[in-house]
Amino acid sequence: MTAVLPDLEPEPAFAADLFGDRIDVVRQFTADLAQYGEELGLIGPLELPRLWTRHVINSGLLAPLLVAGRVGDIGSGAGLPGLVLAAARPESTLILIEPMERRTDWLRAEADRLGLTNVEVVRARAEEAEISPWLDQATARAVSALSKLIPLTVPLVKTGGQLLFLKGARVADEVTAARKVIAKNHLSDVEVLELGVGVLDETTRVFRATVD
């Protein structure tokens, strides 16, 4: 039986609308992360009161943008957004790329606990990962600035595929700073999306671009 953690943020009403018939899987993931995340070094000690809104829903808002193909999550860590997206989009295959062994152990074990058969875990740094076939999309959350992240991920994504990076409030500054990198890596249709407007106090910003 899952322990009840008094500091855990109550599930927002919006969560059920966002995840639909997959909400029970997401609830279990959230409960597991709340129970074991700090002990395993996956989340910090102050994250429980905002685990749903800042982390789980922030990740889940990306789900409608996924294709029914191969989606790589770079630096997957605790499974944010990778495991949340795998739970929300069973028709997509999530390739979770993470260099730290204790985190890849968690990702594999948690995917098994949740019954997620659409998850592959690759223990590697992004620049060393051998991915075949190439990805249809790549995502990342809280990994690094766009100027560093784009060159790491573009080689993993097929021509015509997409980058979908969850970013913070200063994403416009990152785009400006990375304009030469964007051009060098032949990205097109570059845009910043703001998701969760009118629903969350802190909206989710997504850098989206196509790999030409």
N, C-alpha and C. Protein backbone atom coordinates (compact mmCIF):
# COMPACT_ATOMS: atom_id res chain seq x y z
N MET A 1 0.85 -1.20 0.00
CA MET A 1 0.00 0.00 0.00
C MET A 1 0.89 1.25 0.00
N THR A 2 0.57 2.21 -0.88
CA THR A 2 1.36 3.42 -0.98
C THR A 2 1.17 4.30 0.25
N ALA A 3 2.28 4.78 0.81
CA ALA A 3 2.19 5.63 1.98
C ALA A 3 1.56 6.97 1.62
N VAL A 4 0.80 7.53 2.57
CA VAL A 4 0.20 8.85 2.39
C VAL A 4 1.18 9.88 2.91
N LEU A 5 1.60 10.79 2.05
CA LEU A 5 2.58 11.80 2.41
C LEU A 5 1.88 13.14 2.59
N PRO A 6 1.85 13.66 3.81
CA PRO A 6 1.08 14.87 4.07
C PRO A 6 1.57 16.09 3.31
N ASP A 7 2.85 16.14 2.94
CA ASP A 7 3.39 17.30 2.23
C ASP A 7 3.10 17.27 0.73
N LEU A 8 2.60 16.15 0.22
CA LEU A 8 2.37 16.03 -1.22
C LEU A 8 1.23 16.94 -1.66
N GLU A 9 1.48 17.69 -2.69
CA GLU A 9 0.46 18.59 -3.25
C GLU A 9 -0.78 17.80 -3.66
N PRO A 10 -1.98 18.25 -3.30
CA PRO A 10 -3.19 17.57 -3.76
C PRO A 10 -3.28 17.59 -5.28
N GLU A 11 -3.85 16.56 -5.82
CA GLU A 11 -4.00 16.49 -7.28
C GLU A 11 -4.91 17.60 -7.79
N PRO A 12 -4.44 18.44 -8.68
CA PRO A 12 -5.30 19.49 -9.23
C PRO A 12 -6.42 18.90 -10.08
N ALA A 13 -7.56 19.57 -10.10
CA ALA A 13 -8.69 19.09 -10.88
C ALA A 13 -8.35 18.95 -12.35
N PHE A 14 -7.46 19.82 -12.83
CA PHE A 14 -7.09 19.83 -14.24
C PHE A 14 -6.39 18.54 -14.66
N ALA A 15 -5.78 17.83 -13.71
CA ALA A 15 -5.01 16.63 -14.06
C ALA A 15 -5.87 15.58 -14.74
N ALA A 16 -7.06 15.36 -14.24
CA ALA A 16 -7.94 14.35 -14.82
C ALA A 16 -8.34 14.72 -16.25
N ASP A 17 -8.55 16.00 -16.51
CA ASP A 17 -8.86 16.44 -17.87
C ASP A 17 -7.67 16.25 -18.79
N LEU A 18 -6.49 16.55 -18.30
CA LEU A 18 -5.29 16.45 -19.12
C LEU A 18 -4.96 15.01 -19.48
N PHE A 19 -5.03 14.11 -18.53
CA PHE A 19 -4.56 12.74 -18.74
C PHE A 19 -5.67 11.76 -19.10
N GLY A 20 -6.93 12.16 -18.94
CA GLY A 20 -8.04 11.31 -19.36
C GLY A 20 -8.00 9.93 -18.74
N ASP A 21 -8.16 8.90 -19.58
CA ASP A 21 -8.21 7.54 -19.05
C ASP A 21 -6.85 7.01 -18.61
N ARG A 22 -5.81 7.83 -18.74
CA ARG A 22 -4.48 7.43 -18.28
C ARG A 22 -4.15 8.02 -16.91
N ILE A 23 -5.12 8.67 -16.29
CA ILE A 23 -4.86 9.38 -15.03
C ILE A 23 -4.41 8.44 -13.92
N ASP A 24 -4.94 7.22 -13.87
CA ASP A 24 -4.55 6.32 -12.77
C ASP A 24 -3.08 5.95 -12.84
N VAL A 25 -2.55 5.79 -14.06
CA VAL A 25 -1.12 5.48 -14.22
C VAL A 25 -0.29 6.68 -13.76
N VAL A 26 -0.72 7.87 -14.13
CA VAL A 26 0.00 9.08 -13.74
C VAL A 26 -0.07 9.29 -12.23
N ARG A 27 -1.21 8.99 -11.65
CA ARG A 27 -1.34 9.09 -10.19
C ARG A 27 -0.34 8.16 -9.49
N GLN A 28 -0.22 6.94 -10.01
CA GLN A 28 0.70 5.99 -9.39
C GLN A 28 2.14 6.45 -9.53
N PHE A 29 2.49 6.97 -10.71
CA PHE A 29 3.84 7.50 -10.90
C PHE A 29 4.12 8.64 -9.92
N THR A 30 3.17 9.54 -9.78
CA THR A 30 3.34 10.68 -8.87
C THR A 30 3.52 10.20 -7.44
N ALA A 31 2.72 9.22 -7.03
CA ALA A 31 2.83 8.67 -5.67
C ALA A 31 4.18 7.99 -5.46
N ASP A 32 4.63 7.24 -6.46
CA ASP A 32 5.93 6.56 -6.35
C ASP A 32 7.07 7.57 -6.27
N LEU A 33 6.99 8.60 -7.10
CA LEU A 33 8.05 9.62 -7.09
C LEU A 33 8.05 10.38 -5.77
N ALA A 34 6.88 10.64 -5.24
CA ALA A 34 6.79 11.32 -3.95
C ALA A 34 7.38 10.47 -2.84
N GLN A 35 7.14 9.16 -2.90
CA GLN A 35 7.59 8.28 -1.83
C GLN A 35 9.09 8.00 -1.89
N TYR A 36 9.63 7.84 -3.10
CA TYR A 36 11.01 7.39 -3.22
C TYR A 36 11.95 8.42 -3.83
N GLY A 37 11.40 9.49 -4.39
CA GLY A 37 12.20 10.41 -5.17
C GLY A 37 13.33 11.08 -4.42
N GLU A 38 13.06 11.56 -3.21
CA GLU A 38 14.12 12.24 -2.45
C GLU A 38 15.18 11.23 -2.00
N GLU A 39 14.75 10.08 -1.54
CA GLU A 39 15.68 9.04 -1.08
C GLU A 39 16.63 8.62 -2.20
N LEU A 40 16.12 8.57 -3.43
CA LEU A 40 16.93 8.14 -4.57
C LEU A 40 17.65 9.30 -5.26
N GLY A 41 17.48 10.50 -4.73
CA GLY A 41 18.14 11.66 -5.31
C GLY A 41 17.54 12.09 -6.63
N LEU A 42 16.24 11.83 -6.83
CA LEU A 42 15.57 12.17 -8.08
C LEU A 42 14.92 13.55 -8.03
N ILE A 43 14.44 13.92 -6.85
CA ILE A 43 13.84 15.23 -6.65
C ILE A 43 14.36 15.81 -5.34
N GLY A 44 14.29 17.12 -5.23
CA GLY A 44 14.76 17.77 -4.02
C GLY A 44 13.75 17.71 -2.88
N PRO A 45 14.18 18.05 -1.67
CA PRO A 45 13.31 17.93 -0.49
C PRO A 45 12.15 18.92 -0.47
N LEU A 46 12.19 19.93 -1.30
CA LEU A 46 11.13 20.95 -1.30
C LEU A 46 10.12 20.75 -2.43
N GLU A 47 10.21 19.65 -3.14
CA GLU A 47 9.38 19.50 -4.34
C GLU A 47 8.00 18.90 -4.09
N LEU A 48 7.78 18.22 -2.97
CA LEU A 48 6.49 17.57 -2.75
C LEU A 48 5.30 18.53 -2.79
N PRO A 49 5.39 19.73 -2.20
CA PRO A 49 4.23 20.63 -2.23
C PRO A 49 3.90 21.17 -3.61
N ARG A 50 4.76 20.94 -4.60
CA ARG A 50 4.47 21.41 -5.96
C ARG A 50 4.74 20.32 -7.00
N LEU A 51 4.70 19.07 -6.56
CA LEU A 51 5.07 17.97 -7.45
C LEU A 51 4.11 17.84 -8.63
N TRP A 52 2.82 17.97 -8.36
CA TRP A 52 1.84 17.85 -9.45
C TRP A 52 2.00 19.00 -10.46
N THR A 53 1.86 20.22 -9.99
CA THR A 53 1.79 21.34 -10.93
C THR A 53 3.13 21.65 -11.58
N ARG A 54 4.19 21.69 -10.81
CA ARG A 54 5.48 22.11 -11.35
C ARG A 54 6.17 21.02 -12.16
N HIS A 55 5.87 19.77 -11.87
CA HIS A 55 6.62 18.69 -12.49
C HIS A 55 5.74 17.78 -13.36
N VAL A 56 4.71 17.19 -12.78
CA VAL A 56 3.92 16.18 -13.52
C VAL A 56 3.05 16.83 -14.59
N ILE A 57 2.29 17.84 -14.22
CA ILE A 57 1.45 18.51 -15.22
C ILE A 57 2.31 19.29 -16.20
N ASN A 58 3.36 19.92 -15.72
CA ASN A 58 4.30 20.61 -16.60
C ASN A 58 4.79 19.67 -17.70
N SER A 59 5.09 18.43 -17.34
CA SER A 59 5.54 17.44 -18.31
C SER A 59 4.38 16.97 -19.19
N GLY A 60 3.24 16.73 -18.59
CA GLY A 60 2.10 16.17 -19.32
C GLY A 60 1.52 17.09 -20.36
N LEU A 61 1.70 18.39 -20.20
CA LEU A 61 1.19 19.33 -21.19
C LEU A 61 1.84 19.14 -22.55
N LEU A 62 2.98 18.49 -22.57
CA LEU A 62 3.68 18.23 -23.83
C LEU A 62 3.04 17.08 -24.61
N ALA A 63 2.27 16.23 -23.94
CA ALA A 63 1.76 15.00 -24.54
C ALA A 63 0.99 15.22 -25.84
N PRO A 64 0.11 16.22 -25.95
CA PRO A 64 -0.63 16.39 -27.20
C PRO A 64 0.25 16.73 -28.40
N LEU A 65 1.49 17.13 -28.17
CA LEU A 65 2.40 17.48 -29.27
C LEU A 65 3.18 16.29 -29.80
N LEU A 66 3.05 15.13 -29.15
CA LEU A 66 3.82 13.96 -29.55
C LEU A 66 3.19 13.26 -30.74
N VAL A 67 4.05 12.67 -31.57
CA VAL A 67 3.60 11.81 -32.66
C VAL A 67 3.54 10.37 -32.17
N ALA A 68 2.89 9.53 -32.93
CA ALA A 68 2.85 8.10 -32.61
C ALA A 68 4.09 7.44 -33.19
N GLY A 69 5.24 7.86 -32.70
CA GLY A 69 6.51 7.35 -33.20
C GLY A 69 7.52 7.23 -32.09
N ARG A 70 8.79 7.41 -32.42
CA ARG A 70 9.88 7.27 -31.47
C ARG A 70 10.26 8.64 -30.93
N VAL A 71 10.12 8.80 -29.62
CA VAL A 71 10.36 10.08 -28.96
C VAL A 71 11.47 9.89 -27.93
N GLY A 72 12.55 10.62 -28.07
CA GLY A 72 13.65 10.52 -27.12
C GLY A 72 13.55 11.59 -26.04
N ASP A 73 13.78 11.19 -24.80
CA ASP A 73 13.83 12.13 -23.68
C ASP A 73 15.27 12.21 -23.21
N ILE A 74 15.91 13.35 -23.45
CA ILE A 74 17.33 13.51 -23.17
C ILE A 74 17.52 13.91 -21.71
N GLY A 75 18.36 13.17 -20.99
CA GLY A 75 18.57 13.45 -19.56
C GLY A 75 17.30 13.20 -18.77
N SER A 76 16.74 12.02 -18.92
CA SER A 76 15.40 11.73 -18.40
C SER A 76 15.30 11.80 -16.88
N GLY A 77 16.39 11.50 -16.17
CA GLY A 77 16.40 11.67 -14.72
C GLY A 77 15.33 10.87 -14.00
N ALA A 78 14.40 11.57 -13.39
CA ALA A 78 13.31 10.94 -12.64
C ALA A 78 12.20 10.42 -13.54
N GLY A 79 12.30 10.73 -14.84
CA GLY A 79 11.22 10.38 -15.76
C GLY A 79 10.33 11.55 -16.06
N LEU A 80 10.89 12.75 -15.89
CA LEU A 80 10.18 14.00 -16.16
C LEU A 80 10.87 14.68 -17.34
N PRO A 81 10.29 14.65 -18.52
CA PRO A 81 8.90 14.25 -18.81
C PRO A 81 8.71 12.82 -19.29
N GLY A 82 9.81 12.04 -19.48
CA GLY A 82 9.71 10.78 -20.21
C GLY A 82 8.66 9.80 -19.73
N LEU A 83 8.65 9.46 -18.44
CA LEU A 83 7.68 8.49 -17.95
C LEU A 83 6.27 9.06 -17.95
N VAL A 84 6.13 10.35 -17.66
CA VAL A 84 4.80 10.98 -17.73
C VAL A 84 4.26 10.89 -19.15
N LEU A 85 5.10 11.17 -20.14
CA LEU A 85 4.66 11.12 -21.52
C LEU A 85 4.36 9.69 -21.96
N ALA A 86 5.15 8.73 -21.50
CA ALA A 86 4.88 7.33 -21.82
C ALA A 86 3.54 6.89 -21.26
N ALA A 87 3.23 7.37 -20.06
CA ALA A 87 1.94 7.04 -19.46
C ALA A 87 0.79 7.70 -20.22
N ALA A 88 1.00 8.94 -20.62
CA ALA A 88 -0.07 9.70 -21.28
C ALA A 88 -0.29 9.28 -22.72
N ARG A 89 0.77 8.82 -23.40
CA ARG A 89 0.69 8.52 -24.83
C ARG A 89 1.20 7.10 -25.10
N PRO A 90 0.39 6.09 -24.82
CA PRO A 90 0.85 4.71 -25.02
C PRO A 90 1.14 4.36 -26.47
N GLU A 91 0.64 5.18 -27.42
CA GLU A 91 0.91 4.92 -28.83
C GLU A 91 2.28 5.42 -29.27
N SER A 92 2.95 6.19 -28.42
CA SER A 92 4.31 6.66 -28.69
C SER A 92 5.31 5.77 -27.95
N THR A 93 6.49 5.59 -28.54
CA THR A 93 7.57 4.87 -27.87
C THR A 93 8.55 5.90 -27.31
N LEU A 94 8.76 5.85 -26.01
CA LEU A 94 9.65 6.80 -25.33
C LEU A 94 11.00 6.14 -25.09
N ILE A 95 12.04 6.75 -25.64
CA ILE A 95 13.41 6.29 -25.42
C ILE A 95 14.03 7.23 -24.40
N LEU A 96 14.26 6.74 -23.20
CA LEU A 96 14.74 7.55 -22.09
C LEU A 96 16.27 7.46 -22.04
N ILE A 97 16.94 8.57 -22.32
CA ILE A 97 18.40 8.60 -22.41
C ILE A 97 18.94 9.29 -21.17
N GLU A 98 19.70 8.55 -20.37
CA GLU A 98 20.14 9.03 -19.06
C GLU A 98 21.49 8.39 -18.72
N PRO A 99 22.51 9.16 -18.34
CA PRO A 99 23.83 8.59 -18.11
C PRO A 99 24.03 7.96 -16.73
N MET A 100 23.23 8.33 -15.73
CA MET A 100 23.49 7.87 -14.36
C MET A 100 22.81 6.54 -14.07
N GLU A 101 23.59 5.58 -13.57
CA GLU A 101 23.08 4.22 -13.39
C GLU A 101 21.90 4.17 -12.42
N ARG A 102 22.00 4.87 -11.29
CA ARG A 102 20.91 4.79 -10.32
C ARG A 102 19.61 5.35 -10.89
N ARG A 103 19.73 6.31 -11.81
CA ARG A 103 18.53 6.84 -12.44
C ARG A 103 17.98 5.90 -13.49
N THR A 104 18.86 5.26 -14.27
CA THR A 104 18.35 4.30 -15.24
C THR A 104 17.73 3.10 -14.54
N ASP A 105 18.28 2.71 -13.39
CA ASP A 105 17.66 1.63 -12.61
C ASP A 105 16.24 2.03 -12.20
N TRP A 106 16.07 3.27 -11.72
CA TRP A 106 14.75 3.76 -11.35
C TRP A 106 13.82 3.77 -12.56
N LEU A 107 14.27 4.27 -13.68
CA LEU A 107 13.42 4.39 -14.87
C LEU A 107 12.92 3.01 -15.32
N ARG A 108 13.82 2.04 -15.33
CA ARG A 108 13.40 0.69 -15.75
C ARG A 108 12.43 0.08 -14.75
N ALA A 109 12.76 0.21 -13.46
CA ALA A 109 11.90 -0.38 -12.43
C ALA A 109 10.53 0.28 -12.40
N GLU A 110 10.51 1.59 -12.54
CA GLU A 110 9.24 2.30 -12.48
C GLU A 110 8.39 2.01 -13.72
N ALA A 111 9.01 1.94 -14.87
CA ALA A 111 8.25 1.58 -16.08
C ALA A 111 7.61 0.20 -15.91
N ASP A 112 8.35 -0.73 -15.31
CA ASP A 112 7.79 -2.06 -15.06
C ASP A 112 6.63 -1.99 -14.07
N ARG A 113 6.80 -1.24 -13.00
CA ARG A 113 5.73 -1.12 -12.00
C ARG A 113 4.46 -0.54 -12.60
N LEU A 114 4.63 0.41 -13.49
CA LEU A 114 3.48 1.08 -14.10
C LEU A 114 2.91 0.31 -15.28
N GLY A 115 3.57 -0.77 -15.68
CA GLY A 115 3.08 -1.55 -16.81
C GLY A 115 3.26 -0.86 -18.14
N LEU A 116 4.28 -0.01 -18.25
CA LEU A 116 4.53 0.74 -19.48
C LEU A 116 5.40 -0.10 -20.41
N THR A 117 4.81 -0.59 -21.48
CA THR A 117 5.54 -1.42 -22.44
C THR A 117 6.11 -0.59 -23.59
N ASN A 118 5.89 0.72 -23.56
CA ASN A 118 6.35 1.61 -24.63
C ASN A 118 7.57 2.43 -24.20
N VAL A 119 8.38 1.87 -23.30
CA VAL A 119 9.55 2.57 -22.78
C VAL A 119 10.82 1.77 -23.06
N GLU A 120 11.84 2.46 -23.58
CA GLU A 120 13.18 1.90 -23.70
C GLU A 120 14.13 2.82 -22.92
N VAL A 121 15.02 2.26 -22.15
CA VAL A 121 15.96 3.05 -21.36
C VAL A 121 17.37 2.83 -21.92
N VAL A 122 18.04 3.93 -22.23
CA VAL A 122 19.40 3.89 -22.76
C VAL A 122 20.31 4.61 -21.78
N ARG A 123 21.29 3.89 -21.23
CA ARG A 123 22.24 4.53 -20.32
C ARG A 123 23.39 5.10 -21.13
N ALA A 124 23.37 6.40 -21.33
CA ALA A 124 24.40 7.07 -22.12
C ALA A 124 24.21 8.57 -22.02
N ARG A 125 25.29 9.30 -22.25
CA ARG A 125 25.17 10.73 -22.48
C ARG A 125 24.60 10.93 -23.87
N ALA A 126 23.91 12.04 -24.08
CA ALA A 126 23.25 12.26 -25.37
C ALA A 126 24.24 12.18 -26.53
N GLU A 127 25.42 12.78 -26.34
CA GLU A 127 26.39 12.82 -27.43
C GLU A 127 27.03 11.46 -27.71
N GLU A 128 26.83 10.49 -26.81
CA GLU A 128 27.40 9.16 -26.98
C GLU A 128 26.34 8.10 -27.29
N ALA A 129 25.07 8.49 -27.23
CA ALA A 129 23.99 7.52 -27.41
C ALA A 129 23.94 7.01 -28.84
N GLU A 130 23.76 5.71 -28.98
CA GLU A 130 23.59 5.09 -30.30
C GLU A 130 22.13 4.72 -30.44
N ILE A 131 21.41 5.51 -31.21
CA ILE A 131 19.96 5.35 -31.35
C ILE A 131 19.65 4.91 -32.77
N SER A 132 18.98 3.77 -32.92
CA SER A 132 18.59 3.29 -34.24
C SER A 132 17.22 2.62 -34.15
N PRO A 133 16.29 2.97 -35.00
CA PRO A 133 16.36 4.06 -35.98
C PRO A 133 16.35 5.43 -35.28
N TRP A 134 16.60 6.47 -36.07
CA TRP A 134 16.61 7.81 -35.52
C TRP A 134 15.26 8.17 -34.93
N LEU A 135 15.27 9.20 -34.10
CA LEU A 135 14.06 9.62 -33.40
C LEU A 135 13.17 10.48 -34.30
N ASP A 136 11.87 10.35 -34.08
CA ASP A 136 10.91 11.24 -34.73
C ASP A 136 10.86 12.59 -34.01
N GLN A 137 11.05 12.54 -32.70
CA GLN A 137 11.05 13.75 -31.89
C GLN A 137 12.02 13.56 -30.73
N ALA A 138 12.54 14.67 -30.23
CA ALA A 138 13.37 14.62 -29.02
C ALA A 138 12.90 15.71 -28.08
N THR A 139 12.86 15.38 -26.81
CA THR A 139 12.48 16.35 -25.80
C THR A 139 13.53 16.36 -24.69
N ALA A 140 13.48 17.40 -23.89
CA ALA A 140 14.38 17.52 -22.74
C ALA A 140 13.77 18.54 -21.79
N ARG A 141 14.09 18.38 -20.53
CA ARG A 141 13.56 19.29 -19.51
C ARG A 141 14.67 19.56 -18.49
N ALA A 142 14.96 20.85 -18.29
CA ALA A 142 15.94 21.25 -17.29
C ALA A 142 17.29 20.57 -17.50
N VAL A 143 17.75 20.54 -18.76
CA VAL A 143 19.02 19.90 -19.07
C VAL A 143 20.11 20.95 -19.25
N SER A 144 19.96 21.83 -20.23
CA SER A 144 20.95 22.88 -20.46
C SER A 144 20.35 23.93 -21.39
N ALA A 145 21.10 25.00 -21.62
CA ALA A 145 20.64 26.06 -22.51
C ALA A 145 20.53 25.55 -23.94
N LEU A 146 19.71 26.21 -24.74
CA LEU A 146 19.48 25.79 -26.12
C LEU A 146 20.78 25.72 -26.92
N SER A 147 21.69 26.66 -26.68
CA SER A 147 22.93 26.69 -27.45
C SER A 147 23.75 25.42 -27.26
N LYS A 148 23.62 24.75 -26.12
CA LYS A 148 24.31 23.49 -25.87
C LYS A 148 23.43 22.28 -26.19
N LEU A 149 22.14 22.43 -25.93
CA LEU A 149 21.21 21.30 -26.08
C LEU A 149 20.96 20.94 -27.54
N ILE A 150 20.84 21.94 -28.39
CA ILE A 150 20.52 21.68 -29.80
C ILE A 150 21.59 20.81 -30.47
N PRO A 151 22.90 21.13 -30.36
CA PRO A 151 23.90 20.28 -31.02
C PRO A 151 23.95 18.86 -30.48
N LEU A 152 23.54 18.66 -29.22
CA LEU A 152 23.53 17.32 -28.63
C LEU A 152 22.41 16.45 -29.18
N THR A 153 21.29 17.08 -29.52
CA THR A 153 20.10 16.31 -29.86
C THR A 153 19.85 16.17 -31.35
N VAL A 154 20.23 17.16 -32.13
CA VAL A 154 19.96 17.11 -33.58
C VAL A 154 20.49 15.83 -34.22
N PRO A 155 21.71 15.34 -33.87
CA PRO A 155 22.20 14.12 -34.52
C PRO A 155 21.36 12.87 -34.24
N LEU A 156 20.48 12.93 -33.25
CA LEU A 156 19.65 11.78 -32.89
C LEU A 156 18.30 11.77 -33.61
N VAL A 157 17.98 12.88 -34.27
CA VAL A 157 16.64 13.07 -34.83
C VAL A 157 16.68 13.01 -36.35
N LYS A 158 15.71 12.32 -36.93
CA LYS A 158 15.68 12.17 -38.38
C LYS A 158 15.31 13.49 -39.06
N THR A 159 15.63 13.60 -40.32
CA THR A 159 15.24 14.77 -41.10
C THR A 159 13.72 14.87 -41.12
N GLY A 160 13.22 16.04 -40.82
CA GLY A 160 11.78 16.24 -40.72
C GLY A 160 11.24 16.00 -39.32
N GLY A 161 12.11 15.53 -38.42
CA GLY A 161 11.69 15.33 -37.04
C GLY A 161 11.68 16.64 -36.27
N GLN A 162 11.29 16.57 -35.00
CA GLN A 162 11.11 17.78 -34.20
C GLN A 162 11.90 17.74 -32.90
N LEU A 163 12.29 18.93 -32.47
CA LEU A 163 12.78 19.14 -31.11
C LEU A 163 11.66 19.78 -30.32
N LEU A 164 11.43 19.26 -29.11
CA LEU A 164 10.40 19.78 -28.21
C LEU A 164 11.01 19.91 -26.82
N PHE A 165 11.51 21.08 -26.50
CA PHE A 165 12.22 21.26 -25.24
C PHE A 165 11.39 22.09 -24.27
N LEU A 166 11.19 21.55 -23.08
CA LEU A 166 10.52 22.30 -22.02
C LEU A 166 11.50 23.30 -21.43
N LYS A 167 11.13 24.57 -21.45
CA LYS A 167 12.04 25.63 -21.02
C LYS A 167 11.36 26.55 -20.01
N GLY A 168 12.17 27.44 -19.42
CA GLY A 168 11.68 28.38 -18.41
C GLY A 168 11.24 29.70 -19.01
N ALA A 169 11.01 30.66 -18.13
CA ALA A 169 10.46 31.95 -18.54
C ALA A 169 11.41 32.74 -19.43
N ARG A 170 12.70 32.43 -19.39
CA ARG A 170 13.69 33.18 -20.18
C ARG A 170 14.01 32.50 -21.51
N VAL A 171 13.09 31.69 -22.00
CA VAL A 171 13.34 30.95 -23.24
C VAL A 171 13.58 31.89 -24.42
N ALA A 172 12.92 33.04 -24.46
CA ALA A 172 13.14 33.97 -25.57
C ALA A 172 14.59 34.43 -25.62
N ASP A 173 15.18 34.67 -24.44
CA ASP A 173 16.59 35.05 -24.38
C ASP A 173 17.48 33.91 -24.88
N GLU A 174 17.10 32.67 -24.53
CA GLU A 174 17.88 31.52 -24.98
C GLU A 174 17.83 31.39 -26.50
N VAL A 175 16.65 31.62 -27.08
CA VAL A 175 16.51 31.54 -28.54
C VAL A 175 17.41 32.58 -29.21
N THR A 176 17.41 33.79 -28.66
CA THR A 176 18.26 34.85 -29.21
C THR A 176 19.73 34.47 -29.13
N ALA A 177 20.14 33.95 -27.97
CA ALA A 177 21.54 33.57 -27.78
C ALA A 177 21.95 32.40 -28.67
N ALA A 178 20.97 31.59 -29.07
CA ALA A 178 21.27 30.37 -29.85
C ALA A 178 21.02 30.54 -31.34
N ARG A 179 20.81 31.77 -31.81
CA ARG A 179 20.40 31.93 -33.22
C ARG A 179 21.44 31.37 -34.19
N LYS A 180 22.74 31.51 -33.88
CA LYS A 180 23.76 30.96 -34.77
C LYS A 180 23.75 29.43 -34.73
N VAL A 181 23.53 28.88 -33.55
CA VAL A 181 23.46 27.43 -33.41
C VAL A 181 22.23 26.89 -34.14
N ILE A 182 21.12 27.59 -34.05
CA ILE A 182 19.90 27.20 -34.76
C ILE A 182 20.15 27.16 -36.27
N ALA A 183 20.82 28.18 -36.78
CA ALA A 183 21.13 28.22 -38.22
C ALA A 183 22.11 27.12 -38.60
N LYS A 184 23.15 26.93 -37.82
CA LYS A 184 24.18 25.93 -38.12
C LYS A 184 23.60 24.53 -38.17
N ASN A 185 22.60 24.26 -37.31
CA ASN A 185 22.00 22.93 -37.24
C ASN A 185 20.76 22.78 -38.12
N HIS A 186 20.53 23.76 -38.96
CA HIS A 186 19.49 23.69 -40.00
C HIS A 186 18.10 23.42 -39.40
N LEU A 187 17.75 24.21 -38.41
CA LEU A 187 16.42 24.12 -37.82
C LEU A 187 15.48 25.10 -38.52
N SER A 188 14.24 24.66 -38.73
CA SER A 188 13.24 25.53 -39.32
C SER A 188 11.98 25.50 -38.45
N ASP A 189 11.02 26.35 -38.79
CA ASP A 189 9.75 26.42 -38.07
C ASP A 189 9.98 26.61 -36.56
N VAL A 190 10.93 27.44 -36.23
CA VAL A 190 11.28 27.67 -34.83
C VAL A 190 10.20 28.51 -34.16
N GLU A 191 9.71 28.04 -33.02
CA GLU A 191 8.67 28.78 -32.30
C GLU A 191 8.72 28.43 -30.82
N VAL A 192 8.12 29.29 -30.01
CA VAL A 192 7.96 29.04 -28.59
C VAL A 192 6.47 28.97 -28.29
N LEU A 193 6.03 27.87 -27.73
CA LEU A 193 4.63 27.67 -27.37
C LEU A 193 4.47 27.88 -25.88
N GLU A 194 3.34 28.44 -25.48
CA GLU A 194 3.02 28.60 -24.06
C GLU A 194 1.78 27.77 -23.77
N LEU A 195 1.94 26.75 -22.95
CA LEU A 195 0.88 25.80 -22.66
C LEU A 195 0.38 25.96 -21.23
N GLY A 196 -0.88 25.63 -21.02
CA GLY A 196 -1.46 25.72 -19.68
C GLY A 196 -1.93 27.10 -19.31
N VAL A 197 -2.07 27.98 -20.29
CA VAL A 197 -2.53 29.34 -20.03
C VAL A 197 -3.97 29.30 -19.51
N GLY A 198 -4.21 30.02 -18.43
CA GLY A 198 -5.53 30.05 -17.83
C GLY A 198 -5.83 28.89 -16.91
N VAL A 199 -4.89 27.97 -16.83
CA VAL A 199 -5.08 26.77 -15.99
C VAL A 199 -4.04 26.73 -14.87
N LEU A 200 -2.80 27.06 -15.22
CA LEU A 200 -1.71 27.02 -14.25
C LEU A 200 -1.21 28.43 -13.96
N ASP A 201 -0.79 28.65 -12.72
CA ASP A 201 -0.18 29.94 -12.37
C ASP A 201 1.13 30.11 -13.12
N GLU A 202 1.88 29.02 -13.25
CA GLU A 202 3.16 29.04 -13.96
C GLU A 202 3.01 28.21 -15.23
N THR A 203 2.86 28.87 -16.36
CA THR A 203 2.61 28.16 -17.61
C THR A 203 3.86 27.41 -18.07
N THR A 204 3.64 26.49 -19.01
CA THR A 204 4.72 25.67 -19.56
C THR A 204 5.13 26.24 -20.91
N ARG A 205 6.42 26.48 -21.08
CA ARG A 205 6.94 27.00 -22.35
C ARG A 205 7.72 25.91 -23.06
N VAL A 206 7.46 25.80 -24.34
CA VAL A 206 8.07 24.75 -25.16
C VAL A 206 8.75 25.36 -26.37
N PHE A 207 10.02 25.08 -26.53
CA PHE A 207 10.75 25.42 -27.75
C PHE A 207 10.51 24.31 -28.75
N ARG A 208 9.95 24.66 -29.90
CA ARG A 208 9.67 23.64 -30.93
C ARG A 208 10.36 24.04 -32.24
N ALA A 209 11.00 23.09 -32.88
CA ALA A 209 11.67 23.33 -34.16
C ALA A 209 11.74 22.04 -34.95
N THR A 210 11.85 22.18 -36.27
CA THR A 210 11.95 21.05 -37.17
C THR A 210 13.40 20.89 -37.64
N VAL A 211 13.86 19.65 -37.69
CA VAL A 211 15.22 19.35 -38.15
C VAL A 211 15.19 19.14 -39.66
N ASP A 212 15.83 20.02 -40.40
CA ASP A 212 15.84 19.91 -41.87
C ASP A 212 17.04 19.10 -42.36
